[in-house]
Amino acid sequence: MTSTAELATDFVALLKDGRHDEAASAYNADEIVSYENMPGPMEVCRGKDAVRQKGEWWVANHELHEFTTEGPYLNGEQFAVTFYFDVTVKESGERRKMHEVGLYTVKDGKIVEERFFY
């Protein structure tokens, strides 16, 4: 079984390479739960398909100018990743620069939970 450190290193390498879908497909558990720090329909997404759909919505609604990833930062069965986004919200035309921390929990070699702090 893959260790949390190995999983985290591979997962973040894929993110840094812009291969977000591949990272999620390979490492998210079928029963993953994703928590966003915002009210609304995507505040809590349950299951691999719901998390994938949330990502698809985000990509469809933002023009990405810059994206960077730092980490992983490990602690037991969890790891954190920092993100920087420079995006334009397509609907409003507002340009936003955002810093975010993702906290991932691993069980049985898969990511079972992700929480985002911003």
N, C-alpha and C. Protein backbone atom coordinates (compact mmCIF):
# COMPACT_ATOMS: atom_id res chain seq x y z
N MET A 1 0.85 -1.19 0.00
CA MET A 1 0.00 0.00 0.00
C MET A 1 0.89 1.25 0.00
N THR A 2 0.46 2.27 -0.69
CA THR A 2 1.18 3.53 -0.77
C THR A 2 1.11 4.25 0.56
N SER A 3 2.25 4.78 1.02
CA SER A 3 2.25 5.56 2.25
C SER A 3 1.64 6.93 1.98
N THR A 4 1.25 7.60 3.07
CA THR A 4 0.71 8.96 2.93
C THR A 4 1.75 9.88 2.30
N ALA A 5 3.00 9.74 2.70
CA ALA A 5 4.07 10.59 2.14
C ALA A 5 4.23 10.37 0.64
N GLU A 6 4.21 9.11 0.21
CA GLU A 6 4.34 8.81 -1.22
C GLU A 6 3.14 9.34 -2.00
N LEU A 7 1.94 9.09 -1.47
CA LEU A 7 0.73 9.57 -2.12
C LEU A 7 0.76 11.09 -2.24
N ALA A 8 1.08 11.77 -1.14
CA ALA A 8 1.10 13.23 -1.13
C ALA A 8 2.11 13.78 -2.13
N THR A 9 3.29 13.18 -2.17
CA THR A 9 4.33 13.64 -3.10
C THR A 9 3.87 13.46 -4.55
N ASP A 10 3.31 12.30 -4.87
CA ASP A 10 2.83 12.04 -6.23
C ASP A 10 1.66 12.96 -6.59
N PHE A 11 0.72 13.12 -5.66
CA PHE A 11 -0.47 13.94 -5.88
C PHE A 11 -0.06 15.39 -6.18
N VAL A 12 0.82 15.94 -5.36
CA VAL A 12 1.25 17.33 -5.54
C VAL A 12 2.06 17.49 -6.82
N ALA A 13 2.87 16.50 -7.17
CA ALA A 13 3.63 16.57 -8.43
C ALA A 13 2.68 16.68 -9.62
N LEU A 14 1.59 15.92 -9.59
CA LEU A 14 0.60 16.00 -10.66
C LEU A 14 -0.07 17.38 -10.69
N LEU A 15 -0.40 17.92 -9.52
CA LEU A 15 -1.00 19.25 -9.46
C LEU A 15 -0.05 20.30 -10.04
N LYS A 16 1.22 20.23 -9.64
CA LYS A 16 2.21 21.20 -10.13
C LYS A 16 2.38 21.10 -11.64
N ASP A 17 2.13 19.92 -12.18
CA ASP A 17 2.25 19.70 -13.62
C ASP A 17 0.95 20.04 -14.37
N GLY A 18 -0.05 20.54 -13.62
CA GLY A 18 -1.31 20.92 -14.25
C GLY A 18 -2.23 19.75 -14.54
N ARG A 19 -1.94 18.58 -13.97
CA ARG A 19 -2.71 17.36 -14.25
C ARG A 19 -3.69 17.07 -13.10
N HIS A 20 -4.58 18.04 -12.85
CA HIS A 20 -5.50 17.96 -11.72
C HIS A 20 -6.47 16.79 -11.84
N ASP A 21 -7.02 16.59 -13.03
CA ASP A 21 -7.97 15.49 -13.21
C ASP A 21 -7.30 14.14 -12.97
N GLU A 22 -6.08 14.01 -13.45
CA GLU A 22 -5.34 12.76 -13.25
C GLU A 22 -5.05 12.52 -11.78
N ALA A 23 -4.69 13.59 -11.05
CA ALA A 23 -4.42 13.47 -9.61
C ALA A 23 -5.67 13.01 -8.87
N ALA A 24 -6.80 13.63 -9.17
CA ALA A 24 -8.04 13.27 -8.50
C ALA A 24 -8.47 11.85 -8.86
N SER A 25 -8.36 11.50 -10.12
CA SER A 25 -8.76 10.17 -10.56
C SER A 25 -7.93 9.08 -9.90
N ALA A 26 -6.63 9.33 -9.77
CA ALA A 26 -5.73 8.33 -9.21
C ALA A 26 -5.83 8.21 -7.69
N TYR A 27 -6.04 9.33 -7.01
CA TYR A 27 -5.86 9.33 -5.55
C TYR A 27 -7.11 9.60 -4.73
N ASN A 28 -8.19 10.09 -5.32
CA ASN A 28 -9.41 10.31 -4.53
C ASN A 28 -10.15 8.99 -4.34
N ALA A 29 -10.59 8.76 -3.10
CA ALA A 29 -11.42 7.58 -2.81
C ALA A 29 -12.80 7.79 -3.43
N ASP A 30 -13.47 6.70 -3.74
CA ASP A 30 -14.82 6.80 -4.28
C ASP A 30 -15.74 7.57 -3.33
N GLU A 31 -15.51 7.42 -2.02
CA GLU A 31 -16.38 8.03 -1.01
C GLU A 31 -15.81 9.34 -0.46
N ILE A 32 -14.89 9.99 -1.18
CA ILE A 32 -14.29 11.25 -0.72
C ILE A 32 -15.37 12.28 -0.38
N VAL A 33 -15.07 13.09 0.63
CA VAL A 33 -15.92 14.22 1.00
C VAL A 33 -15.06 15.48 0.90
N SER A 34 -15.58 16.50 0.23
CA SER A 34 -14.87 17.76 0.02
C SER A 34 -15.63 18.88 0.71
N TYR A 35 -14.91 19.68 1.50
CA TYR A 35 -15.50 20.80 2.24
C TYR A 35 -14.88 22.10 1.77
N GLU A 36 -15.72 23.00 1.27
CA GLU A 36 -15.29 24.34 0.88
C GLU A 36 -15.67 25.31 1.99
N ASN A 37 -14.96 26.41 2.07
CA ASN A 37 -15.22 27.44 3.07
C ASN A 37 -16.14 28.50 2.47
N MET A 38 -17.29 28.06 1.95
CA MET A 38 -18.26 28.99 1.38
C MET A 38 -19.64 28.35 1.44
N PRO A 39 -20.65 29.16 1.67
CA PRO A 39 -22.01 28.60 1.63
C PRO A 39 -22.42 28.31 0.20
N GLY A 40 -23.36 27.42 0.06
CA GLY A 40 -23.87 27.14 -1.28
C GLY A 40 -23.83 25.67 -1.61
N PRO A 41 -24.17 25.36 -2.86
CA PRO A 41 -24.32 23.96 -3.25
C PRO A 41 -23.01 23.17 -3.26
N MET A 42 -21.88 23.84 -3.28
CA MET A 42 -20.60 23.12 -3.31
C MET A 42 -19.86 23.18 -1.98
N GLU A 43 -20.57 23.62 -0.94
CA GLU A 43 -19.96 23.70 0.39
C GLU A 43 -19.50 22.31 0.85
N VAL A 44 -20.33 21.30 0.59
CA VAL A 44 -19.98 19.90 0.90
C VAL A 44 -20.32 19.07 -0.33
N CYS A 45 -19.32 18.38 -0.86
CA CYS A 45 -19.53 17.47 -1.99
C CYS A 45 -19.13 16.07 -1.54
N ARG A 46 -20.00 15.12 -1.77
CA ARG A 46 -19.77 13.74 -1.34
C ARG A 46 -19.65 12.83 -2.56
N GLY A 47 -18.51 12.14 -2.62
CA GLY A 47 -18.30 11.17 -3.69
C GLY A 47 -17.40 11.72 -4.78
N LYS A 48 -16.69 10.81 -5.41
CA LYS A 48 -15.71 11.15 -6.44
C LYS A 48 -16.34 11.93 -7.60
N ASP A 49 -17.55 11.52 -8.02
CA ASP A 49 -18.21 12.21 -9.14
C ASP A 49 -18.59 13.64 -8.76
N ALA A 50 -19.10 13.85 -7.55
CA ALA A 50 -19.49 15.19 -7.11
C ALA A 50 -18.26 16.11 -7.02
N VAL A 51 -17.14 15.58 -6.55
CA VAL A 51 -15.91 16.38 -6.46
C VAL A 51 -15.41 16.71 -7.86
N ARG A 52 -15.49 15.76 -8.77
CA ARG A 52 -15.09 16.00 -10.16
C ARG A 52 -15.96 17.08 -10.79
N GLN A 53 -17.26 17.01 -10.55
CA GLN A 53 -18.18 18.00 -11.10
C GLN A 53 -17.91 19.39 -10.53
N LYS A 54 -17.55 19.47 -9.25
CA LYS A 54 -17.21 20.75 -8.64
C LYS A 54 -15.99 21.34 -9.35
N GLY A 55 -15.00 20.52 -9.61
CA GLY A 55 -13.80 20.98 -10.32
C GLY A 55 -14.12 21.45 -11.73
N GLU A 56 -14.99 20.71 -12.42
CA GLU A 56 -15.40 21.10 -13.77
C GLU A 56 -16.12 22.45 -13.75
N TRP A 57 -17.00 22.66 -12.75
CA TRP A 57 -17.69 23.94 -12.61
C TRP A 57 -16.68 25.06 -12.42
N TRP A 58 -15.69 24.83 -11.55
CA TRP A 58 -14.70 25.86 -11.25
C TRP A 58 -13.93 26.25 -12.51
N VAL A 59 -13.47 25.26 -13.25
CA VAL A 59 -12.72 25.52 -14.49
C VAL A 59 -13.58 26.28 -15.50
N ALA A 60 -14.85 25.89 -15.63
CA ALA A 60 -15.74 26.52 -16.60
C ALA A 60 -16.06 27.97 -16.25
N ASN A 61 -15.95 28.33 -14.97
CA ASN A 61 -16.37 29.65 -14.52
C ASN A 61 -15.22 30.60 -14.18
N HIS A 62 -13.99 30.18 -14.39
CA HIS A 62 -12.84 31.03 -14.09
C HIS A 62 -11.82 30.97 -15.22
N GLU A 63 -11.26 32.13 -15.53
CA GLU A 63 -10.14 32.18 -16.46
C GLU A 63 -8.87 32.21 -15.61
N LEU A 64 -8.02 31.22 -15.79
CA LEU A 64 -6.83 31.08 -14.96
C LEU A 64 -5.65 31.82 -15.59
N HIS A 65 -5.05 32.73 -14.81
CA HIS A 65 -3.88 33.47 -15.26
C HIS A 65 -2.60 32.88 -14.67
N GLU A 66 -2.69 32.45 -13.41
CA GLU A 66 -1.52 31.88 -12.74
C GLU A 66 -1.99 30.93 -11.65
N PHE A 67 -1.25 29.84 -11.49
CA PHE A 67 -1.56 28.85 -10.46
C PHE A 67 -0.25 28.28 -9.95
N THR A 68 -0.05 28.30 -8.65
CA THR A 68 1.13 27.66 -8.06
C THR A 68 0.71 26.80 -6.88
N THR A 69 1.52 25.82 -6.60
CA THR A 69 1.28 24.86 -5.53
C THR A 69 2.56 24.68 -4.73
N GLU A 70 2.42 24.65 -3.41
CA GLU A 70 3.56 24.38 -2.52
C GLU A 70 3.20 23.22 -1.62
N GLY A 71 4.18 22.42 -1.28
CA GLY A 71 3.95 21.30 -0.40
C GLY A 71 4.33 20.01 -1.08
N PRO A 72 3.99 18.89 -0.49
CA PRO A 72 3.07 18.70 0.62
C PRO A 72 3.75 18.88 1.98
N TYR A 73 2.92 19.22 2.96
CA TYR A 73 3.35 19.34 4.36
C TYR A 73 2.64 18.23 5.11
N LEU A 74 3.39 17.29 5.65
CA LEU A 74 2.85 16.05 6.19
C LEU A 74 2.66 16.08 7.70
N ASN A 75 1.62 15.35 8.16
CA ASN A 75 1.41 15.10 9.58
C ASN A 75 0.56 13.84 9.69
N GLY A 76 1.20 12.71 9.96
CA GLY A 76 0.47 11.45 10.10
C GLY A 76 -0.24 11.07 8.81
N GLU A 77 -1.54 10.86 8.92
CA GLU A 77 -2.36 10.47 7.76
C GLU A 77 -2.95 11.68 7.04
N GLN A 78 -2.41 12.85 7.31
CA GLN A 78 -2.88 14.06 6.65
C GLN A 78 -1.71 14.78 6.00
N PHE A 79 -2.05 15.58 4.99
CA PHE A 79 -1.06 16.47 4.41
C PHE A 79 -1.76 17.74 3.94
N ALA A 80 -1.01 18.83 3.95
CA ALA A 80 -1.53 20.12 3.53
C ALA A 80 -0.78 20.57 2.28
N VAL A 81 -1.48 21.36 1.48
CA VAL A 81 -0.92 21.92 0.26
C VAL A 81 -1.38 23.38 0.22
N THR A 82 -0.47 24.28 -0.15
CA THR A 82 -0.88 25.67 -0.33
C THR A 82 -1.03 25.95 -1.82
N PHE A 83 -2.02 26.76 -2.12
CA PHE A 83 -2.32 27.11 -3.51
C PHE A 83 -2.36 28.63 -3.64
N TYR A 84 -1.93 29.10 -4.80
CA TYR A 84 -2.10 30.50 -5.18
C TYR A 84 -2.78 30.52 -6.54
N PHE A 85 -3.85 31.27 -6.64
CA PHE A 85 -4.60 31.41 -7.88
C PHE A 85 -4.68 32.88 -8.26
N ASP A 86 -4.49 33.17 -9.51
CA ASP A 86 -4.79 34.48 -10.09
C ASP A 86 -5.80 34.18 -11.19
N VAL A 87 -7.05 34.55 -10.97
CA VAL A 87 -8.13 34.19 -11.89
C VAL A 87 -9.03 35.39 -12.18
N THR A 88 -9.75 35.29 -13.26
CA THR A 88 -10.84 36.21 -13.54
C THR A 88 -12.13 35.39 -13.50
N VAL A 89 -13.09 35.88 -12.70
CA VAL A 89 -14.40 35.25 -12.63
C VAL A 89 -15.13 35.62 -13.92
N LYS A 90 -15.46 34.63 -14.72
CA LYS A 90 -16.04 34.88 -16.04
C LYS A 90 -17.35 35.66 -15.97
N GLU A 91 -18.21 35.34 -15.01
CA GLU A 91 -19.52 35.98 -14.93
C GLU A 91 -19.43 37.48 -14.65
N SER A 92 -18.52 37.87 -13.74
CA SER A 92 -18.44 39.28 -13.33
C SER A 92 -17.28 40.04 -13.96
N GLY A 93 -16.31 39.30 -14.48
CA GLY A 93 -15.11 39.96 -15.00
C GLY A 93 -14.14 40.38 -13.91
N GLU A 94 -14.45 40.05 -12.64
CA GLU A 94 -13.61 40.43 -11.52
C GLU A 94 -12.35 39.56 -11.49
N ARG A 95 -11.21 40.22 -11.37
CA ARG A 95 -9.95 39.47 -11.24
C ARG A 95 -9.65 39.30 -9.76
N ARG A 96 -9.30 38.07 -9.38
CA ARG A 96 -9.04 37.75 -7.97
C ARG A 96 -7.70 37.04 -7.84
N LYS A 97 -6.96 37.41 -6.81
CA LYS A 97 -5.75 36.70 -6.44
C LYS A 97 -6.05 36.06 -5.09
N MET A 98 -5.93 34.72 -5.05
CA MET A 98 -6.37 33.98 -3.87
C MET A 98 -5.27 33.04 -3.36
N HIS A 99 -5.15 33.00 -2.06
CA HIS A 99 -4.29 32.02 -1.39
C HIS A 99 -5.21 31.05 -0.66
N GLU A 100 -4.87 29.78 -0.72
CA GLU A 100 -5.73 28.75 -0.16
C GLU A 100 -4.86 27.62 0.40
N VAL A 101 -5.36 26.97 1.44
CA VAL A 101 -4.71 25.78 1.98
C VAL A 101 -5.69 24.63 1.82
N GLY A 102 -5.20 23.52 1.30
CA GLY A 102 -5.98 22.29 1.22
C GLY A 102 -5.44 21.30 2.23
N LEU A 103 -6.31 20.75 3.06
CA LEU A 103 -5.93 19.74 4.04
C LEU A 103 -6.56 18.43 3.59
N TYR A 104 -5.73 17.43 3.35
CA TYR A 104 -6.16 16.15 2.81
C TYR A 104 -5.95 15.05 3.85
N THR A 105 -6.93 14.17 3.98
CA THR A 105 -6.86 13.03 4.89
C THR A 105 -6.84 11.75 4.06
N VAL A 106 -5.89 10.86 4.38
CA VAL A 106 -5.67 9.63 3.63
C VAL A 106 -6.06 8.43 4.49
N LYS A 107 -6.74 7.48 3.85
CA LYS A 107 -7.08 6.22 4.51
C LYS A 107 -6.99 5.12 3.46
N ASP A 108 -6.33 4.05 3.79
CA ASP A 108 -6.19 2.90 2.88
C ASP A 108 -5.65 3.30 1.51
N GLY A 109 -4.70 4.24 1.51
CA GLY A 109 -4.03 4.62 0.27
C GLY A 109 -4.80 5.54 -0.65
N LYS A 110 -5.88 6.14 -0.17
CA LYS A 110 -6.68 7.07 -0.98
C LYS A 110 -7.05 8.29 -0.14
N ILE A 111 -7.31 9.40 -0.82
CA ILE A 111 -7.77 10.62 -0.14
C ILE A 111 -9.26 10.47 0.14
N VAL A 112 -9.62 10.51 1.43
CA VAL A 112 -11.02 10.33 1.82
C VAL A 112 -11.68 11.65 2.18
N GLU A 113 -10.87 12.68 2.44
CA GLU A 113 -11.42 13.99 2.77
C GLU A 113 -10.48 15.08 2.32
N GLU A 114 -11.07 16.18 1.83
CA GLU A 114 -10.31 17.39 1.53
C GLU A 114 -11.07 18.56 2.10
N ARG A 115 -10.33 19.46 2.75
CA ARG A 115 -10.92 20.68 3.32
C ARG A 115 -10.10 21.86 2.84
N PHE A 116 -10.81 22.91 2.43
CA PHE A 116 -10.12 24.09 1.89
C PHE A 116 -10.32 25.28 2.80
N PHE A 117 -9.22 25.97 3.07
CA PHE A 117 -9.20 27.13 3.96
C PHE A 117 -8.73 28.34 3.16
N TYR A 118 -9.52 29.40 3.20
CA TYR A 118 -9.16 30.63 2.50
C TYR A 118 -9.88 31.80 3.11
